[in-house]
């Protein structure tokens, strides 16, 4: 296995120990400047949704890739921001997934074993124990990931190669998130230059994190819908009740199906076909157009983050939005 491609593995950790690079040198020595540059690139890439791949054509560059991973984790830990941490974990897992797609079967199996899985290769497919399947697929919303919809044979089920890689991606996310944020302590002082530039970029990213809703009146959003959109922008999965609430709300303020699909595109378990089906169903493709849940229902399902003054005077997110829009039109400014 190319450990430098998967620096979160146990095997890669052994390689990093063998390199035996003193932390002080990694933080300050000119010789390790490429490592610092690549570590920053990893974190910045996470903020923008994708860590770019790197040139690893020789052993020196491969060592840079290996060493930049723990340094990137230190940078994320020093900044200690939940939004950045979620984006970083997701981006590292997506980078690994891209690399897995061009890896041979033996490398896939080796990485799976490092992650604690026990798949068996069957040509272009894999047999996987149902426990390994359930542990990874538990966060997925699509019906195809429900165990009841799979054929079991003596405790094993068959998955496609792409499904296998998707299951592994969830394990990779767990591995990367393990221990974060680290207790970096005084190490952060040696990273001051890198931290400043990333903090500035982080604040800018947060300001732009809200999904672009075109002519939609963003200032009129009720707190619950604003919170759900921010979670999507941060790459977090929403519970089924939250997805239904957000989708039905956006449909009822006249956003189109395509626009809403684009909003959910940042979900870790995004499945365009399934997302389209669900949105069209809520929009009334089967004859019933659904309305968003009331404020009391949002509260019951844990989808209310706490209201503002206007929330206390209304009973429905749509009512909140309409009142804010009317006030904006009257005054010319949001209230």
Protein backbone atom coordinates (compact mmCIF):
# COMPACT_ATOMS: atom_id res chain seq x y z
CA UNK A 1 0.00 0.00 0.00
CA UNK A 2 1.21 3.49 -0.82
CA UNK A 3 1.22 4.79 2.74
CA UNK A 4 1.95 8.35 1.64
CA UNK A 5 -1.45 8.30 -0.12
CA UNK A 6 -3.18 7.35 3.12
CA UNK A 7 -1.24 9.12 5.91
CA UNK A 8 -3.95 8.37 8.51
CA UNK A 9 -3.21 4.63 8.51
CA UNK A 10 -1.28 2.72 11.13
CA UNK A 11 1.26 1.76 8.48
CA UNK A 12 1.79 5.42 7.56
CA UNK A 13 2.29 6.31 11.22
CA UNK A 14 5.15 3.80 11.32
CA UNK A 15 6.69 5.42 8.24
CA UNK A 16 6.46 8.86 9.85
CA UNK A 17 8.24 7.54 12.95
CA UNK A 18 10.99 6.08 10.76
CA UNK A 19 11.57 9.44 9.08
CA UNK A 20 12.41 10.71 12.58
CA UNK A 21 11.99 14.43 11.82
CA UNK A 22 12.29 16.55 15.01
CA UNK A 23 9.20 18.68 15.49
CA UNK A 24 11.31 21.82 15.98
CA UNK A 25 12.86 21.25 12.55
CA UNK A 26 9.47 20.66 10.94
CA UNK A 27 8.21 23.93 12.41
CA UNK A 28 11.21 26.14 11.68
CA UNK A 29 13.86 24.57 9.44
CA UNK A 30 14.12 25.78 5.86
CA UNK A 31 14.51 22.17 4.74
CA UNK A 32 10.93 21.45 5.89
CA UNK A 33 9.34 24.46 4.23
CA UNK A 34 7.64 22.20 1.62
CA UNK A 35 6.03 20.26 4.49
CA UNK A 36 4.69 23.45 6.07
CA UNK A 37 3.44 24.66 2.68
CA UNK A 38 1.64 21.39 1.97
CA UNK A 39 0.10 21.30 5.47
CA UNK A 40 -1.35 24.78 4.93
CA UNK A 41 -2.57 23.70 1.50
CA UNK A 42 -4.41 20.79 3.09
CA UNK A 43 -6.21 23.05 5.58
CA UNK A 44 -6.97 25.79 3.05
CA UNK A 45 -8.23 23.19 0.60
CA UNK A 46 -10.59 21.90 3.28
CA UNK A 47 -12.04 25.37 3.71
CA UNK A 48 -12.77 25.52 0.00
CA UNK A 49 -14.20 22.00 -0.17
CA UNK A 50 -11.34 19.98 -1.68
CA UNK A 51 -7.72 19.26 -0.82
CA UNK A 52 -5.72 19.35 -4.07
CA UNK A 53 -3.56 16.38 -4.90
CA UNK A 54 0.22 16.71 -4.75
CA UNK A 55 3.25 15.65 -6.76
CA UNK A 56 4.56 12.46 -5.14
CA UNK A 57 6.84 11.27 -7.92
CA UNK A 58 9.85 10.60 -5.68
CA UNK A 59 10.63 9.63 -2.09
CA UNK A 60 11.29 13.24 -0.99
CA UNK A 61 7.86 14.39 -2.14
CA UNK A 62 6.27 11.31 -0.64
CA UNK A 63 7.82 12.18 2.73
CA UNK A 64 6.43 15.71 2.36
CA UNK A 65 2.96 14.24 1.92
CA UNK A 66 3.38 11.99 4.95
CA UNK A 67 4.70 14.71 7.26
CA UNK A 68 2.24 17.36 6.13
CA UNK A 69 -0.70 15.32 7.44
CA UNK A 70 0.17 15.40 11.18
CA UNK A 71 1.22 19.05 10.79
CA UNK A 72 -2.15 19.91 9.22
CA UNK A 73 -3.84 18.22 12.20
CA UNK A 74 -1.79 20.41 14.53
CA UNK A 75 -2.82 23.53 12.61
CA UNK A 76 -6.50 22.57 12.82
CA UNK A 77 -6.09 21.84 16.54
CA UNK A 78 -4.41 25.17 17.25
CA UNK A 79 -7.25 27.05 15.57
CA UNK A 80 -9.74 24.86 17.46
CA UNK A 81 -12.85 25.77 15.48
CA UNK A 82 -15.70 23.26 15.02
CA UNK A 83 -16.53 24.52 11.52
CA UNK A 84 -12.92 24.13 10.36
CA UNK A 85 -12.56 20.74 12.04
CA UNK A 86 -15.65 19.35 10.26
CA UNK A 87 -14.53 20.72 6.90
CA UNK A 88 -11.01 19.34 7.38
CA UNK A 89 -12.12 15.82 8.34
CA UNK A 90 -14.53 15.65 5.40
CA UNK A 91 -11.96 16.98 2.90
CA UNK A 92 -9.24 14.53 3.99
CA UNK A 93 -11.71 11.65 3.65
CA UNK A 94 -12.75 12.86 0.18
CA UNK A 95 -9.09 13.07 -0.88
CA UNK A 96 -8.57 9.46 0.23
CA UNK A 97 -11.73 8.44 -1.63
CA UNK A 98 -10.43 9.99 -4.86
CA UNK A 99 -7.19 8.07 -4.49
CA UNK A 100 -9.00 4.82 -3.73
CA UNK A 101 -10.94 5.10 -6.98
CA UNK A 102 -7.71 4.71 -8.94
CA UNK A 103 -6.19 2.08 -6.63
CA UNK A 104 -6.11 -1.61 -7.45
CA UNK A 105 -8.16 -4.16 -5.53
CA UNK A 106 -5.28 -5.33 -3.35
CA UNK A 107 -4.62 -1.78 -2.14
CA UNK A 108 -8.32 -1.33 -1.38
CA UNK A 109 -8.33 -4.54 0.66
CA UNK A 110 -5.15 -3.58 2.51
CA UNK A 111 -6.52 -0.19 3.47
CA UNK A 112 -9.83 -1.75 4.51
CA UNK A 113 -7.98 -4.11 6.85
CA UNK A 114 -6.05 -1.17 8.34
CA UNK A 115 -9.44 0.44 9.03
CA UNK A 116 -10.67 -2.68 10.84
CA UNK A 117 -12.83 -4.07 8.03
CA UNK A 118 -12.74 -7.62 6.62
CA UNK A 119 -14.00 -7.54 3.01
CA UNK A 120 -13.49 -10.33 0.48
CA UNK A 121 -12.88 -9.60 -3.18
CA UNK A 122 -15.22 -11.09 -5.78
CA UNK A 123 -14.10 -9.70 -9.12
CA UNK A 124 -15.56 -6.20 -9.42
CA UNK A 125 -17.56 -6.62 -6.20
CA UNK A 126 -16.83 -7.23 -2.53
CA UNK A 127 -18.38 -9.40 0.14
CA UNK A 128 -18.53 -7.67 3.49
CA UNK A 129 -19.69 -8.82 6.91
CA UNK A 130 -22.99 -7.24 7.93
CA UNK A 131 -21.44 -5.74 11.08
CA UNK A 132 -18.86 -3.84 9.01
CA UNK A 133 -21.64 -2.72 6.69
CA UNK A 134 -23.91 -1.45 9.46
CA UNK A 135 -21.14 0.41 11.30
CA UNK A 136 -20.27 2.41 8.17
CA UNK A 137 -23.75 2.78 6.64
CA UNK A 138 -25.58 3.82 9.82
CA UNK A 139 -25.30 7.54 8.92
CA UNK A 140 -26.59 7.16 5.36
CA UNK A 141 -30.19 8.17 4.59
CA UNK A 142 -30.76 6.49 1.23
CA UNK A 143 -32.88 3.32 1.36
CA UNK A 144 -30.24 1.34 -0.54
CA UNK A 145 -28.05 1.47 2.57
CA UNK A 146 -30.67 -0.13 4.83
CA UNK A 147 -29.67 -3.66 5.83
CA UNK A 148 -33.23 -4.87 5.32
CA UNK A 149 -32.86 -4.08 1.61
CA UNK A 150 -29.77 -6.30 1.23
CA UNK A 151 -29.47 -10.05 0.71
CA UNK A 152 -27.58 -11.73 3.54
CA UNK A 153 -25.71 -15.01 3.08
CA UNK A 154 -24.21 -16.47 6.26
CA UNK A 155 -23.63 -13.01 7.68
CA UNK A 156 -22.17 -11.49 4.50
CA UNK A 157 -23.62 -9.26 1.79
CA UNK A 158 -22.33 -8.14 -1.59
CA UNK A 159 -21.53 -4.52 -2.44
CA UNK A 160 -20.24 -2.86 -5.59
CA UNK A 161 -16.74 -1.41 -5.69
CA UNK A 162 -18.08 2.15 -5.43
CA UNK A 163 -20.25 1.20 -2.45
CA UNK A 164 -17.23 -0.40 -0.79
CA UNK A 165 -15.22 2.80 -1.22
CA UNK A 166 -18.10 4.86 0.19
CA UNK A 167 -18.28 2.62 3.26
CA UNK A 168 -14.53 2.95 3.71
CA UNK A 169 -14.79 6.72 3.45
CA UNK A 170 -16.93 6.76 6.60
CA UNK A 171 -14.29 4.72 8.45
CA UNK A 172 -11.61 7.10 7.18
CA UNK A 173 -13.56 10.08 8.54
CA UNK A 174 -13.71 8.41 11.95
CA UNK A 175 -9.97 7.65 11.84
CA UNK A 176 -9.07 11.24 10.90
CA UNK A 177 -11.36 12.75 13.52
CA UNK A 178 -9.92 10.51 16.23
CA UNK A 179 -8.14 12.66 18.81
CA UNK A 180 -9.00 16.01 17.21
CA UNK A 181 -8.49 18.64 18.39
CA UNK A 182 -5.06 17.63 19.68
CA UNK A 183 -3.58 19.20 22.80
CA UNK A 184 -1.06 21.28 20.84
CA UNK A 185 -0.07 23.62 23.70
CA UNK A 186 3.10 25.60 23.05
CA UNK A 187 3.48 24.06 19.58
CA UNK A 188 0.97 26.62 18.33
CA UNK A 189 3.51 29.41 18.89
CA UNK A 190 5.76 27.86 16.26
CA UNK A 191 2.87 27.90 13.79
CA UNK A 192 1.87 31.55 14.30
CA UNK A 193 2.51 32.59 10.68
CA UNK A 194 0.47 29.74 9.27
CA UNK A 195 -2.32 30.20 11.81
CA UNK A 196 -2.85 33.89 11.07
CA UNK A 197 -3.38 33.42 7.34
CA UNK A 198 -5.73 30.48 7.87
CA UNK A 199 -7.74 32.28 10.55
CA UNK A 200 -8.33 35.18 8.16
CA UNK A 201 -9.43 32.76 5.45
CA UNK A 202 -11.61 30.88 7.93
CA UNK A 203 -13.60 33.99 8.83
CA UNK A 204 -14.11 34.77 5.17
CA UNK A 205 -15.24 31.20 4.53
CA UNK A 206 -17.74 31.36 7.38
CA UNK A 207 -19.24 34.56 6.02
CA UNK A 208 -19.73 32.89 2.66
CA UNK A 209 -20.83 29.54 4.06
CA UNK A 210 -24.54 30.18 3.64
CA UNK A 211 -25.73 28.51 0.47
CA UNK A 212 -26.37 30.96 -2.37
CA UNK A 213 -30.14 31.20 -2.75
CA UNK A 214 -30.24 33.72 -5.59
CA UNK A 215 -32.96 36.34 -5.11
CA UNK A 216 -34.21 34.58 -2.03
CA UNK A 217 -34.45 36.94 0.98
CA UNK A 218 -31.74 35.53 3.22
CA UNK A 219 -32.32 38.11 5.95
CA UNK A 220 -35.90 36.88 6.38
CA UNK A 221 -34.90 33.31 7.23
CA UNK A 222 -36.19 31.97 10.56
CA UNK A 223 -33.40 30.82 12.91
CA UNK A 224 -34.24 27.13 12.40
CA UNK A 225 -33.86 27.23 8.62
CA UNK A 226 -30.75 29.38 8.82
CA UNK A 227 -29.18 26.82 11.16
CA UNK A 228 -30.03 23.90 8.84
CA UNK A 229 -28.53 25.68 5.82
CA UNK A 230 -25.37 26.46 7.79
CA UNK A 231 -25.05 22.79 8.75
CA UNK A 232 -25.32 21.79 5.10
CA UNK A 233 -22.74 24.39 4.12
CA UNK A 234 -20.40 22.91 6.75
CA UNK A 235 -20.74 19.44 5.19
CA UNK A 236 -22.87 17.89 7.92
CA UNK A 237 -25.59 15.30 7.42
CA UNK A 238 -29.10 16.35 8.42
CA UNK A 239 -31.56 14.03 10.12
CA UNK A 240 -34.53 12.94 8.03
CA UNK A 241 -36.91 15.28 9.90
CA UNK A 242 -34.56 18.21 9.35
CA UNK A 243 -34.23 17.45 5.62
CA UNK A 244 -37.99 17.29 5.25
CA UNK A 245 -38.45 20.55 7.14
CA UNK A 246 -35.86 22.43 5.09
CA UNK A 247 -36.99 21.02 1.74
CA UNK A 248 -40.69 21.72 2.32
CA UNK A 249 -39.87 25.22 3.60
CA UNK A 250 -37.78 26.09 0.53
CA UNK A 251 -40.41 24.69 -1.84
CA UNK A 252 -43.11 26.75 -0.16
CA UNK A 253 -41.17 29.98 -0.64
CA UNK A 254 -40.88 29.14 -4.35
CA UNK A 255 -37.40 27.68 -4.75
CA UNK A 256 -37.20 25.14 -7.56
CA UNK A 257 -36.26 21.48 -7.39
CA UNK A 258 -32.89 22.03 -9.13
CA UNK A 259 -31.96 24.83 -6.73
CA UNK A 260 -32.73 22.65 -3.72
CA UNK A 261 -30.76 19.72 -5.14
CA UNK A 262 -27.80 22.10 -5.41
CA UNK A 263 -28.20 23.03 -1.75
CA UNK A 264 -28.01 19.39 -0.63
CA UNK A 265 -25.02 18.71 -2.88
CA UNK A 266 -22.62 19.38 0.02
CA UNK A 267 -24.06 16.57 2.16
CA UNK A 268 -21.51 13.79 2.85
CA UNK A 269 -24.05 11.13 1.77
CA UNK A 270 -25.41 13.08 -1.22
CA UNK A 271 -27.15 10.88 -3.78
CA UNK A 272 -28.54 13.01 -6.61
CA UNK A 273 -31.08 10.48 -7.82
CA UNK A 274 -32.49 9.84 -4.36
CA UNK A 275 -32.40 13.55 -3.44
CA UNK A 276 -34.33 14.45 -6.60
CA UNK A 277 -36.94 11.78 -5.92
CA UNK A 278 -37.47 12.96 -2.34
CA UNK A 279 -37.69 16.65 -3.26
CA UNK A 280 -40.12 15.99 -6.11
CA UNK A 281 -42.21 13.81 -3.78
CA UNK A 282 -42.42 16.63 -1.20
CA UNK A 283 -43.19 19.07 -4.03
CA UNK A 284 -46.27 17.04 -4.96
CA UNK A 285 -45.25 14.64 -7.73
CA UNK A 286 -47.63 12.03 -6.26
CA UNK A 287 -50.50 14.48 -5.84
CA UNK A 288 -49.82 15.83 -2.33
CA UNK A 289 -47.70 18.93 -1.80
CA UNK A 290 -46.33 19.00 1.72
CA UNK A 291 -46.11 22.02 3.98
CA UNK A 292 -43.27 22.62 6.46
CA UNK A 293 -43.73 21.47 10.06
CA UNK A 294 -44.90 23.98 12.64
CA UNK A 295 -42.61 25.55 15.22
CA UNK A 296 -43.88 23.15 17.89
CA UNK A 297 -43.07 20.16 15.66
CA UNK A 298 -39.62 21.57 14.91
CA UNK A 299 -39.07 21.82 18.66
CA UNK A 300 -40.33 18.27 19.27
CA UNK A 301 -37.84 16.79 16.78
CA UNK A 302 -34.91 18.84 18.06
CA UNK A 303 -34.71 21.02 14.94
CA UNK A 304 -35.30 24.33 16.71
CA UNK A 305 -32.02 25.98 17.77
CA UNK A 306 -33.81 28.56 19.93
CA UNK A 307 -35.87 31.43 18.63
CA UNK A 308 -35.64 35.20 18.59
CA UNK A 309 -38.25 37.79 19.58
CA UNK A 310 -40.35 37.26 16.46
CA UNK A 311 -40.35 33.48 16.97
CA UNK A 312 -42.20 33.98 20.23
CA UNK A 313 -45.08 35.64 18.37
CA UNK A 314 -45.56 33.17 15.51
CA UNK A 315 -46.28 29.46 15.22
CA UNK A 316 -44.80 28.56 11.85
CA UNK A 317 -41.49 29.13 10.00
CA UNK A 318 -43.39 30.30 6.89
CA UNK A 319 -45.19 32.93 8.97
CA UNK A 320 -41.82 34.13 10.26
CA UNK A 321 -40.43 34.43 6.74
CA UNK A 322 -43.47 36.29 5.38
CA UNK A 323 -43.50 38.78 8.23
CA UNK A 324 -39.81 39.52 7.81
CA UNK A 325 -40.23 39.98 4.06
CA UNK A 326 -43.15 42.38 4.58
CA UNK A 327 -41.17 44.42 7.11
CA UNK A 328 -38.24 44.58 4.74
CA UNK A 329 -40.44 45.82 1.92
CA UNK A 330 -41.99 48.50 4.15
CA UNK A 331 -38.79 49.77 5.73
CA UNK A 332 -36.30 49.01 3.00
CA UNK A 333 -34.08 47.21 5.55
CA UNK A 334 -34.39 43.89 7.37
CA UNK A 335 -35.80 44.02 10.89
